[in-house]
C-alpha atoms as a PDB file:
ATOM      1  CA  UNK A   1      10.588 -10.271  23.984  1.00  0.00           C
ATOM      2  CA  UNK A   2      11.339 -12.922  21.387  1.00  0.00           C
ATOM      3  CA  UNK A   3      10.410 -13.479  17.751  1.00  0.00           C
ATOM      4  CA  UNK A   4       7.316 -15.470  18.685  1.00  0.00           C
ATOM      5  CA  UNK A   5       6.069 -12.528  20.742  1.00  0.00           C
ATOM      6  CA  UNK A   6       5.883 -10.582  17.508  1.00  0.00           C
ATOM      7  CA  UNK A   7       3.417 -13.079  16.117  1.00  0.00           C
ATOM      8  CA  UNK A   8       5.842 -14.725  13.712  1.00  0.00           C
ATOM      9  CA  UNK A   9       5.077 -12.473  10.732  1.00  0.00           C
ATOM     10  CA  UNK A  10       7.095  -9.355  11.450  1.00  0.00           C
ATOM     11  CA  UNK A  11      10.865  -9.002  11.347  1.00  0.00           C
ATOM     12  CA  UNK A  12      12.319  -7.522  14.522  1.00  0.00           C
ATOM     13  CA  UNK A  13      14.723  -5.135  12.780  1.00  0.00           C
ATOM     14  CA  UNK A  14      13.691  -2.132  10.725  1.00  0.00           C
ATOM     15  CA  UNK A  15      14.353  -2.390   7.003  1.00  0.00           C
ATOM     16  CA  UNK A  16      15.270  -0.111   4.127  1.00  0.00           C
ATOM     17  CA  UNK A  17      16.582  -0.778   0.621  1.00  0.00           C
ATOM     18  CA  UNK A  18      20.269  -1.341  -0.089  1.00  0.00           C
ATOM     19  CA  UNK A  19      20.709   1.118  -2.952  1.00  0.00           C
ATOM     20  CA  UNK A  20      18.934   3.672  -5.101  1.00  0.00           C
ATOM     21  CA  UNK A  21      16.658   2.372  -7.839  1.00  0.00           C
ATOM     22  CA  UNK A  22      14.702   4.314 -10.472  1.00  0.00           C
ATOM     23  CA  UNK A  23      11.827   3.677 -12.866  1.00  0.00           C
ATOM     24  CA  UNK A  24       9.707   5.666 -15.289  1.00  0.00           C
ATOM     25  CA  UNK A  25       6.038   5.387 -16.139  1.00  0.00           C
ATOM     26  CA  UNK A  26       2.944   7.508 -16.671  1.00  0.00           C
ATOM     27  CA  UNK A  27       0.546   9.078 -14.230  1.00  0.00           C
ATOM     28  CA  UNK A  28      -2.875   7.450 -14.145  1.00  0.00           C
ATOM     29  CA  UNK A  29      -4.761  10.752 -14.078  1.00  0.00           C
ATOM     30  CA  UNK A  30      -2.406  13.152 -15.872  1.00  0.00           C
ATOM     31  CA  UNK A  31      -1.157  10.701 -18.488  1.00  0.00           C
ATOM     32  CA  UNK A  32       2.197  12.510 -18.213  1.00  0.00           C
ATOM     33  CA  UNK A  33       5.588  10.775 -17.926  1.00  0.00           C
ATOM     34  CA  UNK A  34       6.780  10.369 -14.337  1.00  0.00           C
ATOM     35  CA  UNK A  35      10.165   9.384 -12.976  1.00  0.00           C
ATOM     36  CA  UNK A  36      10.271   7.682  -9.574  1.00  0.00           C
ATOM     37  CA  UNK A  37      13.412   7.074  -7.509  1.00  0.00           C
ATOM     38  CA  UNK A  38      13.601   5.046  -4.308  1.00  0.00           C
ATOM     39  CA  UNK A  39      16.433   5.799  -1.885  1.00  0.00           C
ATOM     40  CA  UNK A  40      17.622   4.133   1.332  1.00  0.00           C
ATOM     41  CA  UNK A  41      16.632   6.032   4.473  1.00  0.00           C
ATOM     42  CA  UNK A  42      17.892   6.012   8.042  1.00  0.00           C
ATOM     43  CA  UNK A  43      16.184   3.954  10.733  1.00  0.00           C
ATOM     44  CA  UNK A  44      13.223   5.776  12.239  1.00  0.00           C
ATOM     45  CA  UNK A  45      12.681   7.920   9.144  1.00  0.00           C
ATOM     46  CA  UNK A  46       9.576   6.124   7.917  1.00  0.00           C
ATOM     47  CA  UNK A  47       8.435   6.421   4.309  1.00  0.00           C
ATOM     48  CA  UNK A  48       8.775   9.976   3.018  1.00  0.00           C
ATOM     49  CA  UNK A  49       7.650  11.145  -0.410  1.00  0.00           C
ATOM     50  CA  UNK A  50       9.466  14.076  -1.980  1.00  0.00           C
ATOM     51  CA  UNK A  51       8.019  15.941  -4.930  1.00  0.00           C
ATOM     52  CA  UNK A  52      10.942  17.372  -6.874  1.00  0.00           C
ATOM     53  CA  UNK A  53       9.411  18.914 -10.006  1.00  0.00           C
ATOM     54  CA  UNK A  54       8.798  22.371  -8.539  1.00  0.00           C
ATOM     55  CA  UNK A  55      10.990  25.330  -7.667  1.00  0.00           C
ATOM     56  CA  UNK A  56      11.962  23.550  -4.450  1.00  0.00           C
ATOM     57  CA  UNK A  57      11.376  19.991  -3.176  1.00  0.00           C
ATOM     58  CA  UNK A  58       8.383  19.304  -0.942  1.00  0.00           C
ATOM     59  CA  UNK A  59       8.641  16.472   1.578  1.00  0.00           C
ATOM     60  CA  UNK A  60       5.427  14.612   2.414  1.00  0.00           C
ATOM     61  CA  UNK A  61       5.732  11.856   5.042  1.00  0.00           C
ATOM     62  CA  UNK A  62       3.346   8.933   4.600  1.00  0.00           C
ATOM     63  CA  UNK A  63       1.194   9.712   7.621  1.00  0.00           C
ATOM     64  CA  UNK A  64      -2.608   9.669   8.206  1.00  0.00           C
ATOM     65  CA  UNK A  65      -2.822  13.389   8.960  1.00  0.00           C
ATOM     66  CA  UNK A  66      -1.301  14.211   5.555  1.00  0.00           C
ATOM     67  CA  UNK A  67      -3.913  12.341   3.504  1.00  0.00           C
ATOM     68  CA  UNK A  68      -5.364  15.000   1.221  1.00  0.00           C
ATOM     69  CA  UNK A  69      -7.906  12.881  -0.693  1.00  0.00           C
ATOM     70  CA  UNK A  70      -9.278   9.359  -0.964  1.00  0.00           C
ATOM     71  CA  UNK A  71     -11.245   9.977  -4.177  1.00  0.00           C
ATOM     72  CA  UNK A  72     -10.334   7.275  -6.712  1.00  0.00           C
ATOM     73  CA  UNK A  73      -6.927   6.840  -5.009  1.00  0.00           C
ATOM     74  CA  UNK A  74      -4.964   7.841  -1.920  1.00  0.00           C
ATOM     75  CA  UNK A  75      -3.375  11.282  -2.196  1.00  0.00           C
ATOM     76  CA  UNK A  76      -0.954  12.707   0.371  1.00  0.00           C
ATOM     77  CA  UNK A  77      -0.076  16.378   0.574  1.00  0.00           C
ATOM     78  CA  UNK A  78       1.632  19.152   2.475  1.00  0.00           C
ATOM     79  CA  UNK A  79       1.122  22.833   1.713  1.00  0.00           C
ATOM     80  CA  UNK A  80       0.792  23.306  -2.028  1.00  0.00           C
ATOM     81  CA  UNK A  81       2.340  19.935  -2.852  1.00  0.00           C
ATOM     82  CA  UNK A  82       0.411  16.705  -3.328  1.00  0.00           C
ATOM     83  CA  UNK A  83       1.272  13.257  -4.662  1.00  0.00           C
ATOM     84  CA  UNK A  84      -1.526  11.022  -5.897  1.00  0.00           C
ATOM     85  CA  UNK A  85      -1.917   7.242  -6.204  1.00  0.00           C
ATOM     86  CA  UNK A  86       0.597   6.339  -3.502  1.00  0.00           C
ATOM     87  CA  UNK A  87      -1.206   3.194  -2.328  1.00  0.00           C
ATOM     88  CA  UNK A  88       0.318   0.596  -4.675  1.00  0.00           C
ATOM     89  CA  UNK A  89       3.899   1.581  -3.820  1.00  0.00           C
ATOM     90  CA  UNK A  90       2.997   1.715  -0.119  1.00  0.00           C
ATOM     91  CA  UNK A  91       1.436  -1.746  -0.380  1.00  0.00           C
ATOM     92  CA  UNK A  92       4.687  -3.099  -1.843  1.00  0.00           C
ATOM     93  CA  UNK A  93       6.610  -1.549   1.043  1.00  0.00           C
ATOM     94  CA  UNK A  94       4.175  -2.992   3.569  1.00  0.00           C
ATOM     95  CA  UNK A  95       4.188  -6.423   1.976  1.00  0.00           C
ATOM     96  CA  UNK A  96       8.014  -6.582   1.839  1.00  0.00           C
ATOM     97  CA  UNK A  97       8.512  -5.096   5.304  1.00  0.00           C
ATOM     98  CA  UNK A  98      10.169  -1.829   4.214  1.00  0.00           C
ATOM     99  CA  UNK A  99      10.008   0.647   7.098  1.00  0.00           C
ATOM    100  CA  UNK A 100      12.234   3.474   5.893  1.00  0.00           C
ATOM    101  CA  UNK A 101      12.365   4.890   2.388  1.00  0.00           C
ATOM    102  CA  UNK A 102      12.768   8.204   0.569  1.00  0.00           C
ATOM    103  CA  UNK A 103      10.603   8.356  -2.545  1.00  0.00           C
ATOM    104  CA  UNK A 104      11.434  11.050  -5.092  1.00  0.00           C
ATOM    105  CA  UNK A 105       8.685  11.829  -7.622  1.00  0.00           C
ATOM    106  CA  UNK A 106       9.114  14.385 -10.419  1.00  0.00           C
ATOM    107  CA  UNK A 107       5.396  14.935 -10.862  1.00  0.00           C
ATOM    108  CA  UNK A 108       1.984  14.937  -9.159  1.00  0.00           C
ATOM    109  CA  UNK A 109       1.535  11.141  -9.164  1.00  0.00           C
ATOM    110  CA  UNK A 110       3.328   7.901  -8.530  1.00  0.00           C
ATOM    111  CA  UNK A 111       3.469   6.137 -11.931  1.00  0.00           C
ATOM    112  CA  UNK A 112       0.656   3.638 -12.368  1.00  0.00           C
ATOM    113  CA  UNK A 113       2.890   0.964 -13.989  1.00  0.00           C
ATOM    114  CA  UNK A 114       0.626  -2.063 -14.686  1.00  0.00           C
ATOM    115  CA  UNK A 115      -2.013  -1.013 -12.143  1.00  0.00           C
ATOM    116  CA  UNK A 116      -0.774  -3.373  -9.424  1.00  0.00           C
ATOM    117  CA  UNK A 117       2.104  -3.422  -6.920  1.00  0.00           C
ATOM    118  CA  UNK A 118       4.157  -5.963  -8.882  1.00  0.00           C
ATOM    119  CA  UNK A 119       6.498  -3.430 -10.533  1.00  0.00           C
ATOM    120  CA  UNK A 120       7.277  -1.841  -7.177  1.00  0.00           C
ATOM    121  CA  UNK A 121       7.962  -5.241  -5.625  1.00  0.00           C
ATOM    122  CA  UNK A 122      10.391  -5.881  -8.484  1.00  0.00           C
ATOM    123  CA  UNK A 123      12.115  -2.508  -7.936  1.00  0.00           C
ATOM    124  CA  UNK A 124      12.575  -3.137  -4.227  1.00  0.00           C
ATOM    125  CA  UNK A 125      13.884  -6.624  -4.861  1.00  0.00           C
ATOM    126  CA  UNK A 126      16.328  -5.227  -7.428  1.00  0.00           C
ATOM    127  CA  UNK A 127      17.570  -2.628  -4.948  1.00  0.00           C
ATOM    128  CA  UNK A 128      17.978  -5.256  -2.246  1.00  0.00           C
ATOM    129  CA  UNK A 129      16.569  -5.236   1.282  1.00  0.00           C
ATOM    130  CA  UNK A 130      18.756  -4.214   4.202  1.00  0.00           C
ATOM    131  CA  UNK A 131      18.089  -4.846   7.902  1.00  0.00           C
ATOM    132  CA  UNK A 132      19.018  -1.889  10.064  1.00  0.00           C
ATOM    133  CA  UNK A 133      20.271  -1.769  13.637  1.00  0.00           C
ATOM    134  CA  UNK A 134      17.092  -0.319  15.145  1.00  0.00           C
ATOM    135  CA  UNK A 135      14.283  -2.579  16.388  1.00  0.00           C
ATOM    136  CA  UNK A 136      11.020  -2.546  14.475  1.00  0.00           C
ATOM    137  CA  UNK A 137       8.020  -1.095  16.252  1.00  0.00           C
ATOM    138  CA  UNK A 138       4.696  -2.910  15.777  1.00  0.00           C
ATOM    139  CA  UNK A 139       1.209  -1.603  16.514  1.00  0.00           C
ATOM    140  CA  UNK A 140      -0.619  -4.427  18.279  1.00  0.00           C
ATOM    141  CA  UNK A 141      -4.400  -4.060  18.521  1.00  0.00           C
ATOM    142  CA  UNK A 142      -5.758  -4.634  22.055  1.00  0.00           C
ATOM    143  CA  UNK A 143      -9.439  -3.743  21.625  1.00  0.00           C
ATOM    144  CA  UNK A 144     -11.820  -4.146  18.653  1.00  0.00           C
ATOM    145  CA  UNK A 145     -12.564  -1.083  16.534  1.00  0.00           C
ATOM    146  CA  UNK A 146     -15.336  -1.001  13.942  1.00  0.00           C
ATOM    147  CA  UNK A 147     -16.396   1.663  11.457  1.00  0.00           C
ATOM    148  CA  UNK A 148     -19.685   1.480   9.531  1.00  0.00           C
ATOM    149  CA  UNK A 149     -21.111   3.505   6.663  1.00  0.00           C
ATOM    150  CA  UNK A 150     -24.448   2.018   5.644  1.00  0.00           C
ATOM    151  CA  UNK A 151     -23.725  -1.412   4.150  1.00  0.00           C
ATOM    152  CA  UNK A 152     -19.990  -0.730   4.280  1.00  0.00           C
ATOM    153  CA  UNK A 153     -18.056  -1.991   7.286  1.00  0.00           C
ATOM    154  CA  UNK A 154     -14.473  -2.398   8.454  1.00  0.00           C
ATOM    155  CA  UNK A 155     -13.408  -3.967  11.751  1.00  0.00           C
ATOM    156  CA  UNK A 156     -10.113  -4.826  13.412  1.00  0.00           C
ATOM    157  CA  UNK A 157      -9.763  -7.226  16.327  1.00  0.00           C
ATOM    158  CA  UNK A 158      -6.774  -8.333  18.421  1.00  0.00           C
ATOM    159  CA  UNK A 159      -4.593 -11.077  16.952  1.00  0.00           C
ATOM    160  CA  UNK A 160      -0.970 -11.994  16.417  1.00  0.00           C
ATOM    161  CA  UNK A 161       0.241 -11.147  12.941  1.00  0.00           C
ATOM    162  CA  UNK A 162      -1.974  -9.597  10.274  1.00  0.00           C
ATOM    163  CA  UNK A 163      -4.936 -11.484   8.832  1.00  0.00           C
ATOM    164  CA  UNK A 164      -7.390  -9.974   6.348  1.00  0.00           C
ATOM    165  CA  UNK A 165     -10.879 -11.004   5.253  1.00  0.00           C
ATOM    166  CA  UNK A 166     -12.405  -8.842   2.526  1.00  0.00           C
ATOM    167  CA  UNK A 167     -15.679  -8.916   0.578  1.00  0.00           C
ATOM    168  CA  UNK A 168     -16.724  -6.862  -2.438  1.00  0.00           C
ATOM    169  CA  UNK A 169     -20.203  -6.844  -3.926  1.00  0.00           C
ATOM    170  CA  UNK A 170     -20.861  -5.372  -7.373  1.00  0.00           C
ATOM    171  CA  UNK A 171     -23.922  -5.703  -9.571  1.00  0.00           C
ATOM    172  CA  UNK A 172     -21.757  -6.434 -12.608  1.00  0.00           C
ATOM    173  CA  UNK A 173     -21.887 -10.127 -13.457  1.00  0.00           C
ATOM    174  CA  UNK A 174     -18.131 -10.414 -13.995  1.00  0.00           C
ATOM    175  CA  UNK A 175     -17.559  -9.508 -10.348  1.00  0.00           C
ATOM    176  CA  UNK A 176     -20.631 -10.142  -8.201  1.00  0.00           C
ATOM    177  CA  UNK A 177     -19.811 -10.983  -4.612  1.00  0.00           C
ATOM    178  CA  UNK A 178     -16.183 -12.003  -4.095  1.00  0.00           C
ATOM    179  CA  UNK A 179     -14.422 -12.729  -0.820  1.00  0.00           C
ATOM    180  CA  UNK A 180     -11.083 -13.718   0.591  1.00  0.00           C
ATOM    181  CA  UNK A 181     -11.110 -15.171   4.076  1.00  0.00           C
ATOM    182  CA  UNK A 182      -8.413 -15.213   6.745  1.00  0.00           C
ATOM    183  CA  UNK A 183      -5.589 -14.263   4.405  1.00  0.00           C
ATOM    184  CA  UNK A 184      -2.476 -14.417   6.584  1.00  0.00           C
ATOM    185  CA  UNK A 185       0.172 -12.182   5.072  1.00  0.00           C
ATOM    186  CA  UNK A 186       3.246 -14.247   5.904  1.00  0.00           C
ATOM    187  CA  UNK A 187       5.907 -16.235   4.044  1.00  0.00           C
ATOM    188  CA  UNK A 188       5.568 -14.457   0.713  1.00  0.00           C
ATOM    189  CA  UNK A 189       1.765 -14.481   0.602  1.00  0.00           C
ATOM    190  CA  UNK A 190       1.633 -10.816  -0.448  1.00  0.00           C
ATOM    191  CA  UNK A 191       3.930 -11.343  -3.424  1.00  0.00           C
ATOM    192  CA  UNK A 192       2.287 -14.583  -4.544  1.00  0.00           C
ATOM    193  CA  UNK A 193      -1.387 -13.862  -3.868  1.00  0.00           C
ATOM    194  CA  UNK A 194      -1.919 -10.092  -3.821  1.00  0.00           C
ATOM    195  CA  UNK A 195       0.826  -7.963  -5.400  1.00  0.00           C
ATOM    196  CA  UNK A 196      -0.135  -8.634  -9.057  1.00  0.00           C
ATOM    197  CA  UNK A 197      -3.841  -7.788  -8.669  1.00  0.00           C
ATOM    198  CA  UNK A 198      -4.643  -4.768 -10.858  1.00  0.00           C
ATOM    199  CA  UNK A 199      -6.879  -1.786 -10.327  1.00  0.00           C
ATOM    200  CA  UNK A 200     -10.215  -1.983 -12.129  1.00  0.00           C
ATOM    201  CA  UNK A 201     -12.984   0.224 -13.409  1.00  0.00           C
ATOM    202  CA  UNK A 202     -16.152   0.264 -15.489  1.00  0.00           C
ATOM    203  CA  UNK A 203     -16.100   1.622 -19.028  1.00  0.00           C
ATOM    204  CA  UNK A 204     -18.873   4.161 -18.434  1.00  0.00           C
ATOM    205  CA  UNK A 205     -17.026   5.489 -15.365  1.00  0.00           C
ATOM    206  CA  UNK A 206     -13.704   5.638 -17.214  1.00  0.00           C
ATOM    207  CA  UNK A 207     -15.321   7.584 -20.052  1.00  0.00           C
ATOM    208  CA  UNK A 208     -16.831  10.018 -17.534  1.00  0.00           C
ATOM    209  CA  UNK A 209     -13.387  10.497 -15.957  1.00  0.00           C
ATOM    210  CA  UNK A 210     -11.871  11.181 -19.373  1.00  0.00           C
ATOM    211  CA  UNK A 211     -14.515  13.842 -20.032  1.00  0.00           C
ATOM    212  CA  UNK A 212     -13.627  15.401 -16.667  1.00  0.00           C
ATOM    213  CA  UNK A 213      -9.943  15.501 -17.597  1.00  0.00           C
ATOM    214  CA  UNK A 214      -9.010  12.613 -15.294  1.00  0.00           C
ATOM    215  CA  UNK A 215      -7.643   9.106 -15.871  1.00  0.00           C
ATOM    216  CA  UNK A 216      -5.820  10.315 -18.994  1.00  0.00           C
ATOM    217  CA  UNK A 217      -3.201   7.635 -18.442  1.00  0.00           C
ATOM    218  CA  UNK A 218      -5.720   4.858 -17.929  1.00  0.00           C
ATOM    219  CA  UNK A 219      -5.685   2.046 -20.494  1.00  0.00           C
ATOM    220  CA  UNK A 220      -6.096  -1.687 -20.828  1.00  0.00           C
ATOM    221  CA  UNK A 221      -2.361  -1.904 -20.071  1.00  0.00           C
ATOM    222  CA  UNK A 222      -2.811  -0.682 -16.507  1.00  0.00           C
ATOM    223  CA  UNK A 223      -6.487  -1.145 -15.622  1.00  0.00           C
ATOM    224  CA  UNK A 224      -8.950  -4.011 -15.760  1.00  0.00           C
ATOM    225  CA  UNK A 225     -11.861  -2.412 -17.612  1.00  0.00           C
ATOM    226  CA  UNK A 226     -15.353  -3.883 -17.700  1.00  0.00           C
ATOM    227  CA  UNK A 227     -18.087  -3.075 -20.189  1.00  0.00           C
ATOM    228  CA  UNK A 228     -21.586  -4.537 -20.146  1.00  0.00           C
ATOM    229  CA  UNK A 229     -20.345  -7.779 -21.697  1.00  0.00           C
ATOM    230  CA  UNK A 230     -17.478  -8.407 -19.307  1.00  0.00           C
ATOM    231  CA  UNK A 231     -13.725  -7.875 -19.026  1.00  0.00           C
ATOM    232  CA  UNK A 232     -12.364  -5.951 -22.017  1.00  0.00           C
ATOM    233  CA  UNK A 233      -8.661  -6.754 -21.486  1.00  0.00           C
ATOM    234  CA  UNK A 234      -7.553  -9.272 -24.149  1.00  0.00           C
ATOM    235  CA  UNK A 235      -5.461 -11.256 -21.652  1.00  0.00           C
ATOM    236  CA  UNK A 236      -8.355 -11.575 -19.211  1.00  0.00           C
ATOM    237  CA  UNK A 237      -7.915 -11.755 -15.453  1.00  0.00           C
ATOM    238  CA  UNK A 238      -4.891 -12.878 -13.480  1.00  0.00           C
ATOM    239  CA  UNK A 239      -7.213 -14.607 -10.981  1.00  0.00           C
ATOM    240  CA  UNK A 240     -10.981 -15.091 -11.164  1.00  0.00           C
ATOM    241  CA  UNK A 241     -11.209 -13.012  -7.970  1.00  0.00           C
ATOM    242  CA  UNK A 242      -8.621 -10.384  -8.976  1.00  0.00           C
ATOM    243  CA  UNK A 243     -11.057  -7.626  -8.000  1.00  0.00           C
ATOM    244  CA  UNK A 244     -11.193  -8.464  -4.296  1.00  0.00           C
ATOM    245  CA  UNK A 245      -7.465  -9.191  -4.246  1.00  0.00           C
ATOM    246  CA  UNK A 246      -6.826  -5.673  -5.488  1.00  0.00           C
ATOM    247  CA  UNK A 247      -8.968  -4.305  -2.675  1.00  0.00           C
ATOM    248  CA  UNK A 248      -6.721  -6.173  -0.223  1.00  0.00           C
ATOM    249  CA  UNK A 249      -3.727  -4.569  -1.937  1.00  0.00           C
ATOM    250  CA  UNK A 250      -5.276  -1.112  -1.546  1.00  0.00           C
ATOM    251  CA  UNK A 251      -5.996  -1.807   2.122  1.00  0.00           C
ATOM    252  CA  UNK A 252      -2.373  -2.747   2.774  1.00  0.00           C
ATOM    253  CA  UNK A 253      -1.194   0.443   1.116  1.00  0.00           C
ATOM    254  CA  UNK A 254      -3.538   2.495   3.257  1.00  0.00           C
ATOM    255  CA  UNK A 255      -2.480   0.652   6.430  1.00  0.00           C
ATOM    256  CA  UNK A 256       1.124   1.631   5.669  1.00  0.00           C
ATOM    257  CA  UNK A 257       0.178   5.190   6.620  1.00  0.00           C
ATOM    258  CA  UNK A 258       0.108   4.064  10.265  1.00  0.00           C
ATOM    259  CA  UNK A 259       3.910   4.202  10.122  1.00  0.00           C
ATOM    260  CA  UNK A 260       4.447   0.716  11.496  1.00  0.00           C
ATOM    261  CA  UNK A 261       3.126  -2.804  10.867  1.00  0.00           C
ATOM    262  CA  UNK A 262      -0.242  -3.640  12.412  1.00  0.00           C
ATOM    263  CA  UNK A 263      -1.053  -6.825  14.273  1.00  0.00           C
ATOM    264  CA  UNK A 264      -4.718  -7.699  14.207  1.00  0.00           C
ATOM    265  CA  UNK A 265      -7.489  -9.393  12.264  1.00  0.00           C
ATOM    266  CA  UNK A 266      -9.214  -7.075   9.786  1.00  0.00           C
ATOM    267  CA  UNK A 267     -12.544  -7.784   8.119  1.00  0.00           C
ATOM    268  CA  UNK A 268     -14.002  -5.527   5.428  1.00  0.00           C
ATOM    269  CA  UNK A 269     -17.369  -5.483   3.691  1.00  0.00           C
ATOM    270  CA  UNK A 270     -17.708  -3.335   0.550  1.00  0.00           C
ATOM    271  CA  UNK A 271     -14.691  -1.219   1.397  1.00  0.00           C
ATOM    272  CA  UNK A 272     -12.583   1.345  -0.418  1.00  0.00           C
ATOM    273  CA  UNK A 273      -9.978   3.991   0.314  1.00  0.00           C
ATOM    274  CA  UNK A 274     -12.344   6.235   2.262  1.00  0.00           C
ATOM    275  CA  UNK A 275     -13.396   3.419   4.601  1.00  0.00           C
ATOM    276  CA  UNK A 276      -9.802   2.217   5.000  1.00  0.00           C
ATOM    277  CA  UNK A 277      -8.768   5.690   6.102  1.00  0.00           C
ATOM    278  CA  UNK A 278     -11.614   5.908   8.567  1.00  0.00           C
ATOM    279  CA  UNK A 279     -10.134   2.859  10.286  1.00  0.00           C
ATOM    280  CA  UNK A 280      -6.607   4.278  10.128  1.00  0.00           C
ATOM    281  CA  UNK A 281      -7.828   7.539  11.646  1.00  0.00           C
ATOM    282  CA  UNK A 282      -9.835   5.700  14.313  1.00  0.00           C
ATOM    283  CA  UNK A 283      -6.709   3.790  15.306  1.00  0.00           C
ATOM    284  CA  UNK A 284      -4.598   6.945  15.325  1.00  0.00           C
ATOM    285  CA  UNK A 285      -7.118   8.722  17.551  1.00  0.00           C
ATOM    286  CA  UNK A 286      -7.810   5.856  19.972  1.00  0.00           C
ATOM    287  CA  UNK A 287      -4.482   5.033  21.570  1.00  0.00           C
ATOM    288  CA  UNK A 288      -6.123   2.986  24.354  1.00  0.00           C
ATOM    289  CA  UNK A 289      -7.084   0.358  21.745  1.00  0.00           C
ATOM    290  CA  UNK A 290      -3.494  -0.610  20.894  1.00  0.00           C
ATOM    291  CA  UNK A 291       0.037  -0.739  22.172  1.00  0.00           C
ATOM    292  CA  UNK A 292       3.437  -0.478  20.512  1.00  0.00           C
ATOM    293  CA  UNK A 293       5.903  -3.312  20.936  1.00  0.00           C
ATOM    294  CA  UNK A 294       9.506  -3.732  19.819  1.00  0.00           C
ATOM    295  CA  UNK A 295      11.449  -6.796  18.733  1.00  0.00           C
ATOM    296  CA  UNK A 296      14.393  -8.267  20.612  1.00  0.00           C
ATOM    297  CA  UNK A 297      17.389  -7.306  18.458  1.00  0.00           C
ATOM    298  CA  UNK A 298      19.657  -9.849  20.116  1.00  0.00           C
ATOM    299  CA  UNK A 299      18.602 -12.508  17.599  1.00  0.00           C
ATOM    300  CA  UNK A 300      20.909 -13.418  14.710  1.00  0.00           C
ATOM    301  CA  UNK A 301      20.446 -11.394  11.560  1.00  0.00           C
ATOM    302  CA  UNK A 302      18.614 -12.915   8.649  1.00  0.00           C
ATOM    303  CA  UNK A 303      21.177 -14.214   6.120  1.00  0.00           C
ATOM    304  CA  UNK A 304      21.307 -13.015   2.540  1.00  0.00           C
ATOM    305  CA  UNK A 305      20.269  -9.382   3.004  1.00  0.00           C
ATOM    306  CA  UNK A 306      22.489  -6.883   1.221  1.00  0.00           C
ATOM    307  CA  UNK A 307      24.589  -4.115   2.733  1.00  0.00           C
ATOM    308  CA  UNK A 308      23.236  -0.655   1.986  1.00  0.00           C
ATOM    309  CA  UNK A 309      24.569   2.146  -0.122  1.00  0.00           C
ATOM    310  CA  UNK A 310      25.282   5.362   1.821  1.00  0.00           C
ATOM    311  CA  UNK A 311      22.070   6.848   3.203  1.00  0.00           C
ATOM    312  CA  UNK A 312      21.461  10.546   2.776  1.00  0.00           C
ATOM    313  CA  UNK A 313      20.759  12.565   5.882  1.00  0.00           C
END
């Protein structure tokens, strides 16, 4: 199998980061300070979260069966330990092709940062990206799968590479109906066109969350907030269609739970985390609809990638 057989958008070697990198921020729901550390991980490890603020660390692999909630965000959990709002970090990993990573979190949430994936992209770039010896495994869709929930719909069809079309439809005049069509996530498209799109919410919903003791860390610094008149953030939007771009970002983070890159064409109408996870679960449960392929590791390595720091066992 050669590089073209992989559809031209996926590297054929697994990737991790070259060295540890750390950041601090606040939790979107708790409002509490959170420290996050990313560590290199061995090939075949996948992305594993580790909550370290308790009496003993709790490891939570980023896998579909460990999704504990999709309400307002994607939460993963194991036993008594959960970590909320993992999707933006996972989207950065997916967009940069990071297969293996240990993520230490000293609290119940990944820090919200600016509400997008941009800070996590920066962290990974600062740490450096390292190609490992093991071939990357890719989930290639062979048969269409569609999930519907009233007017909501998500569908994946066979294709080389990953292409996303997404439509949102809100009654608010600042959003309305927005779409992206045939977004091919190759050659830096994620970083340039998706990674900086921020999460958003409506003022009346945010106020209700505050009264319920949630979204305590939410502010105009990390959320696009809309009142009846329009966008409240003084700086405005990063793109006129930032809302649908953020939905694409969320989708990529949720797809990362498959444990390997996906090759297919995805179309979404009025989606969200719950619908994304229905597709992920449908794929996980319907093995006849896809196959796993591996890259040919005989090709020359990509120049310019850094050597890794020692990887913990």
